[in-house]
N, C-alpha and C. Protein backbone atom coordinates (compact mmCIF):
# COMPACT_ATOMS: atom_id res chain seq x y z
N MET A 1 -3.67 -84.40 60.11
CA MET A 1 -4.38 -83.66 59.06
C MET A 1 -3.40 -83.29 57.95
N THR A 2 -3.90 -83.31 56.74
CA THR A 2 -3.06 -83.02 55.59
C THR A 2 -2.41 -81.64 55.70
N THR A 3 -1.11 -81.57 55.43
CA THR A 3 -0.42 -80.29 55.44
C THR A 3 -0.73 -79.53 54.16
N LEU A 4 -0.96 -78.24 54.30
CA LEU A 4 -1.22 -77.41 53.13
C LEU A 4 -0.01 -77.40 52.21
N PRO A 5 -0.23 -77.41 50.89
CA PRO A 5 0.90 -77.23 49.98
C PRO A 5 1.49 -75.85 50.17
N GLU A 6 2.66 -75.63 49.60
CA GLU A 6 3.41 -74.39 49.84
C GLU A 6 2.60 -73.15 49.52
N HIS A 7 1.82 -73.19 48.42
CA HIS A 7 1.08 -71.99 48.05
C HIS A 7 -0.09 -71.71 48.97
N PHE A 8 -0.34 -72.59 49.94
CA PHE A 8 -1.35 -72.35 50.97
C PHE A 8 -0.69 -71.99 52.30
N ALA A 9 0.45 -71.33 52.26
CA ALA A 9 1.16 -70.97 53.48
C ALA A 9 0.37 -69.98 54.32
N ARG A 10 -0.57 -69.30 53.73
CA ARG A 10 -1.44 -68.37 54.46
C ARG A 10 -2.88 -68.63 54.05
N PRO A 11 -3.84 -68.20 54.88
CA PRO A 11 -5.25 -68.40 54.48
C PRO A 11 -5.55 -67.71 53.16
N HIS A 12 -6.20 -68.42 52.26
CA HIS A 12 -6.54 -67.88 50.94
C HIS A 12 -7.97 -67.34 50.95
N LEU A 13 -8.16 -66.25 50.23
CA LEU A 13 -9.42 -65.53 50.28
C LEU A 13 -10.52 -66.25 49.49
N VAL A 14 -11.65 -66.46 50.16
CA VAL A 14 -12.87 -66.96 49.53
C VAL A 14 -13.90 -65.84 49.58
N ASP A 15 -14.28 -65.32 48.44
CA ASP A 15 -15.33 -64.30 48.35
C ASP A 15 -16.63 -64.95 47.93
N ILE A 16 -17.69 -64.74 48.71
CA ILE A 16 -19.02 -65.23 48.38
C ILE A 16 -19.88 -64.01 48.05
N VAL A 17 -20.33 -63.95 46.81
CA VAL A 17 -21.12 -62.81 46.35
C VAL A 17 -22.55 -62.93 46.88
N VAL A 18 -23.09 -61.84 47.42
CA VAL A 18 -24.48 -61.85 47.89
C VAL A 18 -25.24 -60.67 47.29
N TRP A 19 -26.53 -60.83 47.13
CA TRP A 19 -27.42 -59.79 46.60
C TRP A 19 -28.80 -60.00 47.21
N GLU A 20 -29.69 -59.04 46.99
CA GLU A 20 -31.04 -59.14 47.54
C GLU A 20 -31.73 -60.40 47.03
N GLY A 21 -32.25 -61.20 47.97
CA GLY A 21 -32.97 -62.41 47.62
C GLY A 21 -32.10 -63.63 47.44
N VAL A 22 -30.82 -63.54 47.76
CA VAL A 22 -29.93 -64.69 47.64
C VAL A 22 -30.42 -65.82 48.54
N GLU A 23 -30.16 -67.06 48.16
CA GLU A 23 -30.56 -68.23 48.94
C GLU A 23 -29.62 -68.41 50.12
N LEU A 24 -30.17 -68.47 51.33
CA LEU A 24 -29.36 -68.48 52.55
C LEU A 24 -28.40 -69.65 52.62
N LEU A 25 -28.87 -70.87 52.37
CA LEU A 25 -27.99 -72.04 52.52
C LEU A 25 -26.94 -72.11 51.41
N ASP A 26 -27.24 -71.54 50.24
CA ASP A 26 -26.23 -71.45 49.18
C ASP A 26 -25.01 -70.67 49.67
N VAL A 27 -25.26 -69.70 50.54
CA VAL A 27 -24.20 -68.88 51.10
C VAL A 27 -23.59 -69.53 52.34
N ALA A 28 -24.45 -69.92 53.28
CA ALA A 28 -23.99 -70.39 54.58
C ALA A 28 -23.30 -71.75 54.51
N GLY A 29 -23.78 -72.65 53.62
CA GLY A 29 -23.18 -73.97 53.53
C GLY A 29 -21.73 -73.92 53.11
N PRO A 30 -21.41 -73.37 51.94
CA PRO A 30 -19.99 -73.25 51.56
C PRO A 30 -19.18 -72.40 52.53
N ALA A 31 -19.79 -71.34 53.09
CA ALA A 31 -19.06 -70.51 54.04
C ALA A 31 -18.60 -71.33 55.23
N GLU A 32 -19.48 -72.19 55.74
CA GLU A 32 -19.12 -73.02 56.89
C GLU A 32 -18.03 -74.03 56.53
N VAL A 33 -18.14 -74.62 55.35
CA VAL A 33 -17.13 -75.59 54.92
C VAL A 33 -15.75 -74.94 54.83
N PHE A 34 -15.66 -73.83 54.10
CA PHE A 34 -14.36 -73.22 53.90
C PHE A 34 -13.82 -72.59 55.18
N ALA A 35 -14.70 -72.05 56.02
CA ALA A 35 -14.24 -71.46 57.28
C ALA A 35 -13.74 -72.52 58.25
N THR A 36 -14.25 -73.74 58.12
CA THR A 36 -13.86 -74.83 59.02
C THR A 36 -12.57 -75.51 58.59
N ALA A 37 -12.24 -75.46 57.30
CA ALA A 37 -11.09 -76.20 56.77
C ALA A 37 -9.79 -75.75 57.44
N ARG A 38 -9.01 -76.71 57.86
CA ARG A 38 -7.75 -76.46 58.54
C ARG A 38 -6.64 -77.31 57.91
N SER A 39 -5.42 -76.83 58.09
CA SER A 39 -4.24 -77.62 57.75
C SER A 39 -3.18 -77.32 58.79
N GLY A 40 -2.70 -78.34 59.46
CA GLY A 40 -1.74 -78.12 60.52
C GLY A 40 -2.30 -77.28 61.64
N GLY A 41 -3.63 -77.31 61.81
CA GLY A 41 -4.27 -76.57 62.89
C GLY A 41 -4.55 -75.11 62.59
N VAL A 42 -4.23 -74.64 61.39
CA VAL A 42 -4.47 -73.24 61.06
C VAL A 42 -5.52 -73.14 59.96
N PRO A 43 -6.27 -72.05 59.90
CA PRO A 43 -7.30 -71.91 58.86
C PRO A 43 -6.68 -71.93 57.46
N ALA A 44 -7.34 -72.64 56.57
CA ALA A 44 -6.88 -72.69 55.18
C ALA A 44 -7.42 -71.53 54.37
N PHE A 45 -8.57 -70.99 54.79
CA PHE A 45 -9.24 -69.96 53.99
C PHE A 45 -9.70 -68.80 54.88
N ARG A 46 -9.80 -67.65 54.26
CA ARG A 46 -10.42 -66.47 54.87
C ARG A 46 -11.68 -66.19 54.08
N VAL A 47 -12.82 -66.34 54.74
CA VAL A 47 -14.12 -66.26 54.05
C VAL A 47 -14.78 -64.92 54.35
N ARG A 48 -15.31 -64.30 53.31
CA ARG A 48 -16.07 -63.07 53.51
C ARG A 48 -17.20 -62.99 52.50
N LEU A 49 -18.23 -62.24 52.84
CA LEU A 49 -19.32 -61.93 51.94
C LEU A 49 -19.04 -60.60 51.27
N VAL A 50 -19.33 -60.52 49.98
CA VAL A 50 -19.09 -59.29 49.23
C VAL A 50 -20.31 -58.94 48.40
N THR A 51 -20.48 -57.65 48.15
CA THR A 51 -21.60 -57.18 47.34
C THR A 51 -21.09 -56.18 46.31
N THR A 52 -21.98 -55.81 45.40
CA THR A 52 -21.70 -54.70 44.49
C THR A 52 -22.58 -53.50 44.82
N GLY A 53 -23.44 -53.65 45.82
CA GLY A 53 -24.35 -52.59 46.20
C GLY A 53 -24.28 -52.29 47.68
N ALA A 54 -25.45 -52.21 48.31
CA ALA A 54 -25.50 -51.93 49.74
C ALA A 54 -24.83 -53.05 50.52
N PRO A 55 -24.21 -52.71 51.67
CA PRO A 55 -23.49 -53.74 52.43
C PRO A 55 -24.37 -54.75 53.13
N THR A 56 -25.67 -54.48 53.26
CA THR A 56 -26.58 -55.46 53.85
C THR A 56 -27.57 -55.93 52.79
N VAL A 57 -27.85 -57.23 52.79
CA VAL A 57 -28.84 -57.81 51.88
C VAL A 57 -29.76 -58.72 52.69
N THR A 58 -30.96 -58.89 52.20
CA THR A 58 -31.92 -59.78 52.84
C THR A 58 -32.10 -61.02 51.97
N THR A 59 -31.92 -62.18 52.56
CA THR A 59 -32.02 -63.44 51.82
C THR A 59 -33.47 -63.81 51.56
N GLN A 60 -33.67 -64.85 50.74
CA GLN A 60 -35.02 -65.37 50.49
C GLN A 60 -35.72 -65.74 51.78
N ALA A 61 -34.95 -66.18 52.77
CA ALA A 61 -35.52 -66.61 54.04
C ALA A 61 -35.81 -65.44 54.98
N GLY A 62 -35.47 -64.21 54.57
CA GLY A 62 -35.69 -63.05 55.41
C GLY A 62 -34.56 -62.76 56.38
N VAL A 63 -33.49 -63.52 56.30
CA VAL A 63 -32.32 -63.29 57.17
C VAL A 63 -31.45 -62.21 56.53
N VAL A 64 -31.04 -61.24 57.33
CA VAL A 64 -30.23 -60.14 56.84
C VAL A 64 -28.75 -60.50 56.97
N LEU A 65 -28.00 -60.33 55.88
CA LEU A 65 -26.57 -60.61 55.86
C LEU A 65 -25.80 -59.30 55.74
N GLN A 66 -24.67 -59.24 56.43
CA GLN A 66 -23.80 -58.08 56.38
C GLN A 66 -22.53 -58.44 55.60
N ALA A 67 -22.28 -57.75 54.51
CA ALA A 67 -21.08 -58.01 53.72
C ALA A 67 -19.86 -57.38 54.38
N ALA A 68 -18.71 -58.00 54.14
CA ALA A 68 -17.45 -57.50 54.71
C ALA A 68 -16.66 -56.67 53.71
N GLY A 69 -17.08 -56.63 52.46
CA GLY A 69 -16.33 -55.89 51.46
C GLY A 69 -17.12 -55.80 50.18
N ARG A 70 -16.49 -55.19 49.19
CA ARG A 70 -17.10 -55.06 47.87
C ARG A 70 -16.42 -56.01 46.90
N LEU A 71 -17.22 -56.60 46.05
CA LEU A 71 -16.68 -57.52 45.05
C LEU A 71 -15.68 -56.79 44.18
N GLY A 72 -14.45 -57.32 44.13
CA GLY A 72 -13.42 -56.73 43.30
C GLY A 72 -12.41 -55.91 44.05
N ASP A 73 -12.66 -55.60 45.36
CA ASP A 73 -11.68 -54.81 46.08
C ASP A 73 -10.43 -55.61 46.45
N GLU A 74 -10.53 -56.94 46.38
CA GLU A 74 -9.38 -57.84 46.49
C GLU A 74 -9.56 -58.95 45.47
N ALA A 75 -8.47 -59.53 45.03
CA ALA A 75 -8.56 -60.66 44.11
C ALA A 75 -8.76 -61.94 44.93
N PRO A 76 -9.89 -62.62 44.79
CA PRO A 76 -10.11 -63.83 45.57
C PRO A 76 -9.36 -65.03 45.00
N PHE A 77 -8.99 -65.93 45.86
CA PHE A 77 -8.48 -67.23 45.40
C PHE A 77 -9.65 -68.05 44.86
N LEU A 78 -10.79 -67.98 45.57
CA LEU A 78 -11.96 -68.76 45.21
C LEU A 78 -13.18 -67.84 45.26
N LEU A 79 -13.88 -67.75 44.14
CA LEU A 79 -15.08 -66.93 44.04
C LEU A 79 -16.30 -67.84 44.05
N VAL A 80 -17.21 -67.60 44.98
CA VAL A 80 -18.44 -68.39 45.09
C VAL A 80 -19.62 -67.54 44.64
N VAL A 81 -20.38 -68.07 43.68
CA VAL A 81 -21.58 -67.39 43.17
C VAL A 81 -22.78 -68.25 43.53
N PRO A 82 -23.56 -67.86 44.53
CA PRO A 82 -24.71 -68.65 44.96
C PRO A 82 -25.92 -68.41 44.07
N GLY A 83 -27.05 -69.01 44.45
CA GLY A 83 -28.29 -68.81 43.73
C GLY A 83 -29.29 -68.01 44.56
N GLY A 84 -30.52 -68.01 44.09
CA GLY A 84 -31.56 -67.23 44.73
C GLY A 84 -31.74 -65.90 44.03
N ALA A 85 -33.00 -65.56 43.71
CA ALA A 85 -33.31 -64.32 42.98
C ALA A 85 -32.44 -64.19 41.74
N SER A 86 -32.18 -65.31 41.08
CA SER A 86 -31.29 -65.28 39.92
C SER A 86 -31.90 -64.50 38.76
N GLU A 87 -33.24 -64.43 38.71
CA GLU A 87 -33.88 -63.64 37.66
C GLU A 87 -33.44 -62.18 37.77
N ARG A 88 -33.30 -61.70 39.00
CA ARG A 88 -32.84 -60.33 39.22
C ARG A 88 -31.35 -60.22 38.94
N ALA A 89 -30.59 -61.19 39.40
CA ALA A 89 -29.13 -61.13 39.28
C ALA A 89 -28.68 -61.13 37.83
N VAL A 90 -29.34 -61.92 36.97
CA VAL A 90 -28.89 -62.01 35.58
C VAL A 90 -29.19 -60.74 34.79
N GLU A 91 -30.01 -59.86 35.34
CA GLU A 91 -30.31 -58.59 34.68
C GLU A 91 -29.49 -57.43 35.25
N ASP A 92 -28.66 -57.71 36.24
CA ASP A 92 -27.86 -56.67 36.90
C ASP A 92 -26.50 -56.59 36.21
N GLU A 93 -26.38 -55.66 35.27
CA GLU A 93 -25.15 -55.58 34.47
C GLU A 93 -23.93 -55.25 35.31
N ALA A 94 -24.10 -54.42 36.34
CA ALA A 94 -22.96 -54.08 37.20
C ALA A 94 -22.48 -55.32 37.96
N LEU A 95 -23.43 -56.11 38.44
CA LEU A 95 -23.08 -57.35 39.13
C LEU A 95 -22.37 -58.32 38.20
N LEU A 96 -22.91 -58.50 36.99
CA LEU A 96 -22.30 -59.43 36.03
C LEU A 96 -20.89 -58.99 35.66
N ALA A 97 -20.69 -57.69 35.47
CA ALA A 97 -19.36 -57.19 35.12
C ALA A 97 -18.37 -57.42 36.25
N ALA A 98 -18.82 -57.19 37.48
CA ALA A 98 -17.94 -57.39 38.63
C ALA A 98 -17.60 -58.87 38.82
N ILE A 99 -18.58 -59.74 38.56
CA ILE A 99 -18.32 -61.19 38.66
C ILE A 99 -17.33 -61.62 37.58
N ARG A 100 -17.50 -61.10 36.37
CA ARG A 100 -16.54 -61.44 35.30
C ARG A 100 -15.13 -61.02 35.68
N ASP A 101 -14.99 -59.83 36.20
CA ASP A 101 -13.67 -59.33 36.57
C ASP A 101 -13.06 -60.16 37.69
N ALA A 102 -13.85 -60.45 38.72
CA ALA A 102 -13.34 -61.25 39.84
C ALA A 102 -13.01 -62.67 39.40
N ALA A 103 -13.83 -63.22 38.49
CA ALA A 103 -13.57 -64.58 37.99
C ALA A 103 -12.27 -64.64 37.22
N ASP A 104 -11.95 -63.59 36.49
CA ASP A 104 -10.69 -63.55 35.74
C ASP A 104 -9.49 -63.59 36.67
N ARG A 105 -9.65 -63.07 37.87
CA ARG A 105 -8.54 -63.00 38.82
C ARG A 105 -8.52 -64.15 39.82
N ALA A 106 -9.58 -64.96 39.84
CA ALA A 106 -9.70 -66.05 40.80
C ALA A 106 -9.06 -67.33 40.27
N GLU A 107 -8.53 -68.11 41.17
CA GLU A 107 -8.02 -69.43 40.80
C GLU A 107 -9.16 -70.38 40.48
N ILE A 108 -10.25 -70.29 41.25
CA ILE A 108 -11.40 -71.17 41.09
C ILE A 108 -12.67 -70.35 41.19
N VAL A 109 -13.63 -70.63 40.32
CA VAL A 109 -14.97 -70.04 40.38
C VAL A 109 -15.95 -71.18 40.66
N TYR A 110 -16.79 -70.99 41.67
CA TYR A 110 -17.67 -72.07 42.13
C TYR A 110 -19.10 -71.53 42.23
N SER A 111 -20.01 -72.09 41.45
CA SER A 111 -21.41 -71.68 41.55
C SER A 111 -22.21 -72.72 42.31
N VAL A 112 -23.20 -72.23 43.03
CA VAL A 112 -24.12 -73.07 43.78
C VAL A 112 -25.52 -72.81 43.26
N CYS A 113 -26.28 -73.87 43.02
CA CYS A 113 -27.69 -73.74 42.68
C CYS A 113 -27.84 -72.91 41.39
N THR A 114 -28.73 -71.93 41.38
CA THR A 114 -28.95 -71.13 40.18
C THR A 114 -27.87 -70.08 39.96
N GLY A 115 -26.84 -70.10 40.76
CA GLY A 115 -25.66 -69.29 40.46
C GLY A 115 -25.08 -69.66 39.11
N ALA A 116 -25.33 -70.89 38.64
CA ALA A 116 -24.87 -71.29 37.31
C ALA A 116 -25.51 -70.44 36.22
N LEU A 117 -26.76 -70.01 36.42
CA LEU A 117 -27.42 -69.14 35.45
C LEU A 117 -26.73 -67.78 35.39
N VAL A 118 -26.28 -67.31 36.55
CA VAL A 118 -25.55 -66.04 36.61
C VAL A 118 -24.22 -66.17 35.87
N LEU A 119 -23.53 -67.28 36.09
CA LEU A 119 -22.27 -67.50 35.37
C LEU A 119 -22.52 -67.59 33.87
N ALA A 120 -23.59 -68.27 33.48
CA ALA A 120 -23.89 -68.39 32.06
C ALA A 120 -24.16 -67.03 31.44
N ARG A 121 -24.97 -66.20 32.11
CA ARG A 121 -25.28 -64.88 31.57
C ARG A 121 -24.03 -64.00 31.51
N ALA A 122 -23.10 -64.24 32.44
CA ALA A 122 -21.85 -63.47 32.45
C ALA A 122 -20.85 -63.98 31.41
N GLY A 123 -21.20 -65.08 30.72
CA GLY A 123 -20.32 -65.64 29.70
C GLY A 123 -19.22 -66.52 30.25
N LEU A 124 -19.33 -66.93 31.50
CA LEU A 124 -18.25 -67.67 32.14
C LEU A 124 -18.35 -69.18 31.95
N LEU A 125 -19.43 -69.66 31.37
CA LEU A 125 -19.55 -71.09 31.10
C LEU A 125 -19.20 -71.44 29.66
N ALA A 126 -18.77 -70.45 28.91
CA ALA A 126 -18.49 -70.68 27.48
C ALA A 126 -17.38 -71.70 27.27
N GLY A 127 -16.44 -71.81 28.19
CA GLY A 127 -15.30 -72.69 27.98
C GLY A 127 -15.44 -74.07 28.58
N VAL A 128 -16.61 -74.41 29.13
CA VAL A 128 -16.77 -75.74 29.73
C VAL A 128 -17.86 -76.51 29.00
N PRO A 129 -17.73 -77.84 28.92
CA PRO A 129 -18.72 -78.62 28.19
C PRO A 129 -19.90 -79.09 29.04
N ARG A 130 -19.77 -79.06 30.37
CA ARG A 130 -20.77 -79.70 31.22
C ARG A 130 -20.93 -78.91 32.51
N ALA A 131 -22.16 -78.82 33.01
CA ALA A 131 -22.41 -78.10 34.25
C ALA A 131 -23.70 -78.62 34.86
N THR A 132 -23.95 -78.20 36.11
CA THR A 132 -25.20 -78.56 36.77
C THR A 132 -25.74 -77.36 37.52
N THR A 133 -26.98 -77.50 37.99
CA THR A 133 -27.64 -76.45 38.75
C THR A 133 -28.78 -77.09 39.54
N TRP A 134 -29.55 -76.27 40.23
CA TRP A 134 -30.73 -76.74 40.95
C TRP A 134 -31.67 -77.47 40.00
N HIS A 135 -32.30 -78.55 40.48
CA HIS A 135 -33.13 -79.39 39.61
C HIS A 135 -34.25 -78.61 38.94
N GLY A 136 -34.74 -77.57 39.59
CA GLY A 136 -35.82 -76.78 39.02
C GLY A 136 -35.37 -75.78 37.97
N ALA A 137 -34.06 -75.68 37.74
CA ALA A 137 -33.53 -74.72 36.79
C ALA A 137 -32.74 -75.37 35.67
N LEU A 138 -32.80 -76.69 35.55
CA LEU A 138 -32.01 -77.38 34.53
C LEU A 138 -32.39 -76.91 33.13
N GLU A 139 -33.69 -76.78 32.85
CA GLU A 139 -34.11 -76.35 31.52
C GLU A 139 -33.74 -74.90 31.27
N ARG A 140 -33.80 -74.07 32.30
CA ARG A 140 -33.40 -72.67 32.15
C ARG A 140 -31.92 -72.57 31.80
N LEU A 141 -31.10 -73.42 32.42
CA LEU A 141 -29.68 -73.40 32.11
C LEU A 141 -29.43 -73.89 30.68
N ARG A 142 -30.16 -74.90 30.26
CA ARG A 142 -30.01 -75.39 28.88
C ARG A 142 -30.37 -74.28 27.88
N ALA A 143 -31.41 -73.51 28.19
CA ALA A 143 -31.80 -72.42 27.30
C ALA A 143 -30.78 -71.29 27.31
N GLU A 144 -30.20 -71.04 28.49
CA GLU A 144 -29.24 -69.94 28.63
C GLU A 144 -27.91 -70.29 27.98
N ALA A 145 -27.53 -71.56 28.02
CA ALA A 145 -26.23 -71.98 27.48
C ALA A 145 -26.41 -73.24 26.65
N PRO A 146 -26.87 -73.12 25.42
CA PRO A 146 -27.21 -74.29 24.59
C PRO A 146 -26.04 -75.21 24.32
N HIS A 147 -24.80 -74.70 24.42
CA HIS A 147 -23.64 -75.54 24.14
C HIS A 147 -23.38 -76.54 25.26
N LEU A 148 -23.95 -76.29 26.44
CA LEU A 148 -23.65 -77.10 27.62
C LEU A 148 -24.38 -78.44 27.61
N GLU A 149 -23.71 -79.44 28.13
CA GLU A 149 -24.41 -80.64 28.58
C GLU A 149 -24.80 -80.38 30.03
N VAL A 150 -26.05 -80.18 30.27
CA VAL A 150 -26.53 -79.88 31.62
C VAL A 150 -26.95 -81.19 32.28
N VAL A 151 -26.29 -81.55 33.36
CA VAL A 151 -26.53 -82.83 34.01
C VAL A 151 -27.35 -82.61 35.29
N GLY A 152 -28.34 -83.45 35.49
CA GLY A 152 -29.20 -83.32 36.65
C GLY A 152 -29.01 -84.42 37.67
N ASP A 153 -28.05 -85.29 37.44
CA ASP A 153 -27.85 -86.43 38.34
C ASP A 153 -26.51 -86.36 39.07
N ARG A 154 -25.95 -85.17 39.18
CA ARG A 154 -24.67 -85.01 39.87
C ARG A 154 -24.79 -83.87 40.87
N ARG A 155 -24.16 -84.03 42.03
CA ARG A 155 -24.18 -82.98 43.05
C ARG A 155 -23.25 -81.84 42.67
N TRP A 156 -22.18 -82.13 41.94
CA TRP A 156 -21.25 -81.11 41.48
C TRP A 156 -20.56 -81.58 40.21
N VAL A 157 -20.06 -80.62 39.45
CA VAL A 157 -19.28 -80.90 38.24
C VAL A 157 -18.03 -80.04 38.30
N ASP A 158 -16.87 -80.66 38.17
CA ASP A 158 -15.58 -79.97 38.34
C ASP A 158 -14.84 -79.95 37.00
N HIS A 159 -14.54 -78.73 36.54
CA HIS A 159 -13.73 -78.56 35.34
C HIS A 159 -12.45 -77.80 35.64
N GLY A 160 -11.97 -77.91 36.86
CA GLY A 160 -10.71 -77.26 37.21
C GLY A 160 -10.93 -75.84 37.69
N HIS A 161 -10.85 -74.87 36.77
CA HIS A 161 -11.05 -73.48 37.14
C HIS A 161 -12.50 -73.21 37.51
N LEU A 162 -13.42 -73.94 36.90
CA LEU A 162 -14.84 -73.67 37.11
C LEU A 162 -15.56 -74.92 37.61
N VAL A 163 -16.26 -74.74 38.72
CA VAL A 163 -16.99 -75.84 39.36
C VAL A 163 -18.42 -75.39 39.58
N THR A 164 -19.38 -76.24 39.24
CA THR A 164 -20.79 -75.94 39.49
C THR A 164 -21.37 -77.01 40.39
N SER A 165 -22.36 -76.62 41.21
CA SER A 165 -23.05 -77.62 42.04
C SER A 165 -24.54 -77.49 41.85
N ALA A 166 -25.24 -78.53 42.25
CA ALA A 166 -26.70 -78.53 42.20
C ALA A 166 -27.24 -77.63 43.32
N GLY A 167 -28.51 -77.78 43.66
CA GLY A 167 -29.16 -76.80 44.50
C GLY A 167 -28.94 -76.92 45.99
N VAL A 168 -28.92 -75.79 46.64
CA VAL A 168 -29.02 -75.58 48.08
C VAL A 168 -28.03 -76.45 48.85
N SER A 169 -28.44 -77.59 49.41
CA SER A 169 -27.52 -78.40 50.23
C SER A 169 -26.37 -78.96 49.41
N ALA A 170 -26.54 -79.09 48.09
CA ALA A 170 -25.44 -79.58 47.25
C ALA A 170 -24.26 -78.62 47.27
N GLY A 171 -24.49 -77.37 47.64
CA GLY A 171 -23.38 -76.44 47.78
C GLY A 171 -22.38 -76.88 48.83
N ILE A 172 -22.86 -77.58 49.85
CA ILE A 172 -21.96 -78.13 50.86
C ILE A 172 -21.12 -79.24 50.25
N ASP A 173 -21.75 -80.10 49.46
CA ASP A 173 -21.03 -81.22 48.84
C ASP A 173 -19.94 -80.73 47.90
N GLY A 174 -20.26 -79.74 47.08
CA GLY A 174 -19.26 -79.21 46.16
C GLY A 174 -18.13 -78.54 46.90
N ALA A 175 -18.45 -77.83 47.98
CA ALA A 175 -17.41 -77.18 48.77
C ALA A 175 -16.51 -78.21 49.45
N LEU A 176 -17.10 -79.28 49.96
CA LEU A 176 -16.31 -80.36 50.54
C LEU A 176 -15.40 -80.99 49.49
N HIS A 177 -15.94 -81.18 48.30
CA HIS A 177 -15.11 -81.71 47.21
C HIS A 177 -13.91 -80.80 46.97
N LEU A 178 -14.13 -79.48 46.95
CA LEU A 178 -13.02 -78.56 46.72
C LEU A 178 -11.99 -78.60 47.85
N VAL A 179 -12.45 -78.74 49.07
CA VAL A 179 -11.51 -78.89 50.19
C VAL A 179 -10.66 -80.15 49.98
N GLY A 180 -11.29 -81.24 49.57
CA GLY A 180 -10.54 -82.46 49.31
C GLY A 180 -9.58 -82.31 48.16
N ARG A 181 -10.00 -81.65 47.12
CA ARG A 181 -9.14 -81.43 45.96
C ARG A 181 -7.92 -80.57 46.31
N LEU A 182 -8.14 -79.55 47.11
CA LEU A 182 -7.07 -78.60 47.43
C LEU A 182 -6.20 -79.04 48.60
N LEU A 183 -6.81 -79.70 49.58
CA LEU A 183 -6.10 -80.00 50.83
C LEU A 183 -5.94 -81.49 51.11
N GLY A 184 -6.67 -82.31 50.36
CA GLY A 184 -6.57 -83.74 50.57
C GLY A 184 -7.79 -84.32 51.26
N GLY A 185 -7.95 -85.63 51.12
CA GLY A 185 -9.11 -86.33 51.65
C GLY A 185 -9.26 -86.24 53.15
N GLU A 186 -8.16 -86.24 53.88
CA GLU A 186 -8.25 -86.15 55.34
C GLU A 186 -8.84 -84.82 55.77
N ALA A 187 -8.47 -83.75 55.08
CA ALA A 187 -9.02 -82.43 55.41
C ALA A 187 -10.51 -82.40 55.12
N ARG A 188 -10.92 -82.98 54.00
CA ARG A 188 -12.34 -83.02 53.67
C ARG A 188 -13.13 -83.78 54.73
N LEU A 189 -12.62 -84.94 55.13
CA LEU A 189 -13.31 -85.72 56.15
C LEU A 189 -13.36 -85.00 57.48
N ALA A 190 -12.30 -84.28 57.82
CA ALA A 190 -12.27 -83.55 59.08
C ALA A 190 -13.35 -82.48 59.11
N VAL A 191 -13.54 -81.78 57.97
CA VAL A 191 -14.58 -80.76 57.91
C VAL A 191 -15.96 -81.41 58.01
N ALA A 192 -16.18 -82.49 57.27
CA ALA A 192 -17.48 -83.17 57.30
C ALA A 192 -17.80 -83.66 58.70
N ARG A 193 -16.81 -84.21 59.39
CA ARG A 193 -17.05 -84.70 60.75
C ARG A 193 -17.34 -83.56 61.70
N HIS A 194 -16.60 -82.46 61.56
CA HIS A 194 -16.84 -81.29 62.41
C HIS A 194 -18.27 -80.79 62.24
N MET A 195 -18.76 -80.79 61.01
CA MET A 195 -20.12 -80.31 60.71
C MET A 195 -21.17 -81.39 60.95
N GLU A 196 -20.74 -82.61 61.35
CA GLU A 196 -21.63 -83.76 61.49
C GLU A 196 -22.41 -83.99 60.18
N TYR A 197 -21.66 -83.88 59.09
CA TYR A 197 -22.20 -84.10 57.76
C TYR A 197 -21.74 -85.48 57.29
N ALA A 198 -22.45 -86.07 56.36
CA ALA A 198 -22.11 -87.42 55.90
C ALA A 198 -20.67 -87.48 55.42
N ASP A 199 -19.95 -88.51 55.84
CA ASP A 199 -18.54 -88.67 55.46
C ASP A 199 -18.37 -89.12 54.02
N GLY A 200 -19.36 -89.80 53.47
CA GLY A 200 -19.22 -90.31 52.11
C GLY A 200 -19.21 -89.20 51.09
N ALA A 201 -18.42 -89.37 50.04
CA ALA A 201 -18.37 -88.37 48.97
C ALA A 201 -19.59 -88.55 48.07
N PRO A 202 -20.49 -87.54 47.97
CA PRO A 202 -21.67 -87.67 47.11
C PRO A 202 -21.27 -87.72 45.64
N PRO A 203 -22.16 -88.22 44.80
CA PRO A 203 -21.83 -88.33 43.37
C PRO A 203 -21.46 -86.98 42.77
N GLY A 204 -20.36 -86.96 42.04
CA GLY A 204 -19.94 -85.75 41.37
C GLY A 204 -19.41 -86.11 40.01
N HIS A 205 -18.85 -85.13 39.32
CA HIS A 205 -18.26 -85.38 38.01
C HIS A 205 -17.08 -84.44 37.84
N GLU A 206 -15.88 -85.02 37.68
CA GLU A 206 -14.70 -84.20 37.48
C GLU A 206 -14.46 -83.98 36.01
N ARG A 207 -13.35 -83.34 35.70
CA ARG A 207 -13.06 -82.84 34.35
C ARG A 207 -13.47 -83.81 33.24
N ALA A 208 -14.14 -83.25 32.24
CA ALA A 208 -14.59 -84.07 31.11
C ALA A 208 -13.40 -84.44 30.24
């Protein structure tokens, strides 16, 4: 298995933001990918759920999630912004402010599904030319961020600091891509095999 580069000498923090009505697989898919990633037999990432409000939230599916911390109490290496109930999330000024602050301190910001709408409302897509989201929200993203080329035929779009993925299960694909980018192709394949997920790399789009 690929050895972690020097700056990965310890597990790096992955914070996944959750709120009432968040989409369950948007959270669980990337969480499983990053929690499974290994280098030299040791975990590459430390994954936790974070909120800006109550420590428990109920997902769209009715599953209750327990957060391990508050967004912003630590600087994450990788910040994940999922989708679900995005209409509520984009109107939550405290949430948007906390996401902006955490994004400024994160090495990578990764949205899943309609999490791209949250990033757009927070002003975090202003510096990228291209992004994607859930197929049912492509027009909403175009309206929210008119400068963007919004692509509907890619599972993920990578611009270095900021990565967006399409809906729900595509969050797994984007997370696997990030594991490959950070740890190498062997690490990505090892995670996919562990999860019994397809080994092939789904269509994506790297830096424009």
